Protein backbone atom coordinates (compact mmCIF):
# COMPACT_ATOMS: atom_id res chain seq x y z
CA MET A 1 31.11 -65.76 -28.27
CA GLY A 2 34.10 -66.60 -25.98
CA PRO A 3 34.06 -70.05 -24.47
CA LEU A 4 32.06 -70.91 -21.20
CA GLN A 5 34.19 -69.22 -17.81
CA TYR A 6 34.03 -72.93 -16.41
CA SER A 7 33.43 -75.77 -18.54
CA ALA A 8 32.41 -79.27 -17.98
CA ALA A 9 36.20 -81.19 -18.38
CA VAL A 10 39.06 -79.04 -17.18
CA PRO A 11 41.77 -79.91 -20.43
CA ALA A 12 44.58 -81.86 -19.40
CA VAL A 13 46.93 -79.83 -21.63
CA GLN A 14 46.49 -76.61 -20.63
CA GLU A 15 48.54 -72.80 -21.59
CA ALA A 16 51.18 -71.71 -20.43
CA GLY A 17 50.44 -68.99 -17.56
CA SER A 18 47.02 -70.46 -16.91
CA ALA A 19 45.79 -72.64 -14.21
CA ALA A 20 43.43 -75.19 -13.52
CA PRO A 21 40.15 -73.67 -11.70
CA HIS A 22 41.23 -74.93 -8.05
CA PHE A 23 37.98 -75.73 -5.74
CA ARG A 24 38.16 -76.94 -2.33
CA CYS A 25 36.74 -80.32 -1.59
CA ARG A 26 33.41 -80.81 -0.29
CA HIS A 27 31.37 -83.85 0.80
CA CYS A 28 28.14 -85.26 -1.64
CA LEU A 29 25.01 -83.74 -1.20
CA LEU A 30 23.12 -87.12 -1.64
CA LYS A 31 22.41 -88.65 1.43
CA GLY A 32 24.18 -92.43 1.75
CA CYS A 33 27.56 -91.35 -0.25
CA GLU A 34 28.42 -87.76 1.62
CA GLN A 35 31.92 -88.96 0.72
CA LEU A 36 34.57 -86.03 -0.21
CA TYR A 37 35.23 -84.72 -3.82
CA ARG A 38 36.97 -82.29 -5.55
CA PRO A 39 33.98 -80.46 -7.63
CA ILE A 40 34.88 -78.94 -11.14
CA HIS A 41 32.34 -76.15 -10.98
CA PRO A 42 31.96 -74.27 -8.20
CA LEU A 43 28.32 -74.82 -8.17
CA SER A 44 28.35 -78.90 -8.04
CA ARG A 45 26.73 -80.37 -5.38
CA TYR A 46 27.25 -84.20 -6.36
CA CYS A 47 30.37 -86.39 -6.52
CA SER A 48 29.84 -88.26 -9.62
CA GLU A 49 27.04 -89.03 -12.39
CA PRO A 50 25.03 -91.76 -10.23
CA CYS A 51 24.82 -89.91 -7.45
CA ARG A 52 23.59 -86.93 -9.86
CA VAL A 53 20.81 -90.01 -11.35
CA ALA A 54 20.12 -90.53 -8.01
CA ALA A 55 18.88 -87.26 -6.72
CA GLU A 56 17.35 -87.02 -9.81
CA ARG A 57 14.70 -89.89 -9.17
CA TRP A 58 14.70 -88.45 -5.79
CA ARG A 59 13.57 -85.16 -6.95
CA ARG A 60 10.68 -87.04 -9.71
CA ARG A 61 9.27 -89.05 -6.92
CA ARG A 62 8.65 -86.19 -4.50
CA ALA A 63 7.54 -83.94 -6.84
CA SER A 64 5.04 -87.42 -7.91
CA GLY A 65 4.06 -86.98 -4.38
CA ALA A 66 3.22 -83.78 -4.42
CA TRP A 67 0.43 -83.74 -7.34
CA ARG A 68 -0.74 -86.55 -6.07
CA ALA A 69 -1.56 -84.76 -2.63
CA SER A 70 -3.17 -81.71 -4.65
CA GLU A 71 -7.03 -81.48 -4.92
CA ARG A 72 -6.35 -81.93 -9.10
CA GLY A 73 -4.25 -84.94 -8.58
CA LYS A 74 -6.07 -86.87 -6.32
CA VAL A 75 -9.26 -86.42 -8.97
CA LEU A 76 -6.94 -87.28 -11.62
CA ARG A 77 -5.58 -90.18 -9.94
CA ARG A 78 -9.27 -91.69 -9.01
CA GLN A 79 -10.36 -91.86 -13.21
CA GLN A 80 -6.81 -93.43 -13.58
CA CYS A 81 -7.38 -96.13 -10.86
CA LYS A 82 -11.27 -96.22 -12.52
CA ARG A 83 -9.94 -97.28 -15.84
CA TYR A 84 -6.94 -99.66 -14.64
CA ARG A 85 -10.42 -101.13 -13.20
CA ARG A 86 -12.31 -102.00 -16.08
CA ARG A 87 -9.33 -102.78 -18.34
CA ILE A 88 -8.67 -105.81 -15.76
CA PRO A 89 -11.18 -108.32 -16.04
CA LEU A 90 -13.30 -109.43 -13.02
CA VAL A 91 -12.89 -113.43 -12.33
CA VAL A 92 -16.68 -114.32 -11.37
CA LEU A 93 -16.04 -117.66 -9.37
CA CYS A 94 -18.83 -120.13 -8.99
CA ASP A 95 -19.80 -121.78 -5.76
CA CYS A 96 -18.52 -125.02 -6.06
CA GLN A 97 -15.09 -123.08 -6.32
CA ILE A 98 -15.22 -121.09 -3.65
CA PRO A 99 -12.07 -121.88 -1.09
CA PRO A 100 -13.56 -123.55 2.30
CA ILE A 101 -13.00 -121.02 4.92
CA PRO A 102 -10.33 -122.18 7.72
CA SER A 103 -12.33 -122.92 11.04
CA GLU A 104 -9.18 -122.22 13.25
CA PRO A 105 -6.60 -118.98 12.47
CA SER A 106 -3.52 -119.36 10.90
CA ALA A 107 -0.54 -120.46 12.70
CA GLU A 108 1.51 -117.46 11.77
CA PRO A 109 1.16 -114.52 12.84
CA PRO A 110 0.34 -111.37 11.29
CA SER A 111 3.34 -109.81 9.74
CA SER A 112 3.57 -106.02 11.27
CA GLU A 113 4.68 -104.32 8.16
CA ARG A 114 2.43 -104.83 5.39
CA GLU A 115 2.51 -102.86 1.72
CA GLY A 116 0.36 -99.95 1.42
CA GLN A 117 -0.34 -99.70 4.99
CA ARG A 118 0.34 -96.53 7.00
CA GLN A 119 2.14 -97.33 10.21
CA CYS A 120 -0.57 -97.65 12.92
CA GLU A 121 1.36 -95.39 15.21
CA ILE A 122 0.40 -92.34 13.37
CA PRO A 123 -2.61 -90.61 14.37
CA GLU A 124 -5.49 -89.62 11.20
CA ASP A 125 -5.48 -85.99 11.73
CA PHE A 126 -1.51 -85.85 11.39
CA SER A 127 -0.08 -85.25 8.39
CA LEU A 128 3.17 -86.81 6.71
CA GLY A 129 6.25 -84.87 5.24
CA MET A 130 9.28 -85.84 3.19
CA CYS A 131 12.80 -84.65 4.06
CA GLU A 132 13.81 -82.00 1.18
CA ARG A 133 17.59 -83.38 1.04
CA PRO A 134 18.11 -85.16 -2.17
CA GLY A 135 18.52 -89.00 -1.18
CA CYS A 136 16.73 -88.75 2.18
CA TYR A 137 13.77 -91.09 1.59
CA GLU A 138 13.13 -90.39 5.96
CA VAL A 139 8.82 -89.24 6.50
CA PHE A 140 8.30 -87.71 9.59
CA ILE A 141 4.75 -86.35 11.41
CA ILE A 142 3.88 -83.08 10.37
CA ARG A 143 2.56 -82.08 14.34
CA SER A 144 0.22 -78.93 12.92
CA GLU A 145 -0.66 -76.95 9.50
CA CYS A 146 1.65 -74.11 10.33
CA SER A 147 4.62 -76.46 11.02
CA THR A 148 7.76 -75.07 9.10
CA GLN A 149 9.34 -78.48 9.46
CA ARG A 150 11.15 -79.79 6.31
CA PHE A 151 13.68 -82.22 7.47
CA CYS A 152 13.78 -85.35 9.25
CA CYS A 153 17.27 -84.42 11.53
CA TRP A 154 19.54 -81.39 12.50
CA LEU A 155 22.35 -83.19 9.94
CA CYS A 156 19.84 -83.24 6.80
CA ARG A 157 18.99 -79.69 7.69
CA ARG A 158 23.10 -79.03 8.33
CA ALA A 159 24.06 -79.97 4.99
CA LEU A 160 21.31 -78.45 3.32
CA ARG A 161 21.90 -75.27 4.28
CA ASN A 162 25.64 -75.85 4.12
CA VAL A 163 25.09 -76.28 0.36
CA LEU A 164 22.89 -73.38 -0.12
CA ASP A 165 25.12 -70.78 1.81
CA ARG A 166 27.88 -71.80 -0.40
CA GLU A 167 26.01 -70.95 -3.44
CA SER A 168 24.60 -67.90 -2.22
CA ARG A 169 28.51 -66.91 -1.33
CA TYR A 170 29.53 -67.79 -4.83
CA ARG A 171 26.57 -65.78 -6.81
CA ARG A 172 27.29 -62.67 -4.70
CA ARG A 173 30.88 -62.63 -5.25
CA HIS A 174 29.54 -63.61 -8.95
CA ARG A 175 27.33 -60.48 -9.21
CA ARG A 176 29.84 -58.50 -7.42
CA GLY A 177 33.02 -59.09 -9.70
CA SER A 178 30.82 -58.61 -13.24
CA ARG A 179 30.18 -54.95 -12.02
CA SER A 180 32.77 -53.93 -10.63
CA LEU A 181 34.34 -55.00 -14.36
CA GLY A 182 31.55 -53.60 -16.38
CA GLY A 183 31.68 -50.39 -14.41
CA SER A 184 27.97 -48.95 -11.91
CA GLY A 185 25.12 -50.52 -14.79
CA ARG A 186 24.12 -47.10 -15.47
CA SER A 187 24.13 -45.29 -18.26
CA PRO A 188 26.34 -42.17 -18.10
CA PRO A 189 23.91 -38.67 -17.61
CA HIS A 190 23.21 -36.89 -21.02
CA SER A 191 24.55 -33.62 -21.20
CA ARG A 192 22.20 -30.89 -22.61
CA LEU A 193 23.39 -28.75 -25.61
């Protein structure tokens, strides 16, 4: 079996007459990075290893959110919370240990952002969606069940569309090139004697 067409690293010393694969510079797909880099492989999407790790973390978070939104995920999550509550011992307070209730309201105003609370401007009958661009944690409102919105803004949509178009062009050229080298792909017709 021969060597791979595109190895993970381009060798420093190459044979005479062969050239390193030359790919155009492109932008990193991860939202927040978006710097120009020269890829080693034609299907690479990220500029460095930290960007790949951040994209993998984003994919895991998105997958866990989709799992928790499913019916089976909700049931298992409820069971997990019930087991957690059983493990934590309940503290029973005596009447003498209960702190007195303050008669006047506290001077500090209530904070608008609280952990675990939904934003107040989202109505209850709408659902939330997460942007499909890697590294984008923006959440947007889905107004109807038939909505096809997948991105928080047009910049995220365009960035992912550019990558998917480039990869489909590469695969199309690669398939076309492999067929022309190997023939039409059909076996020759059998002649009857």
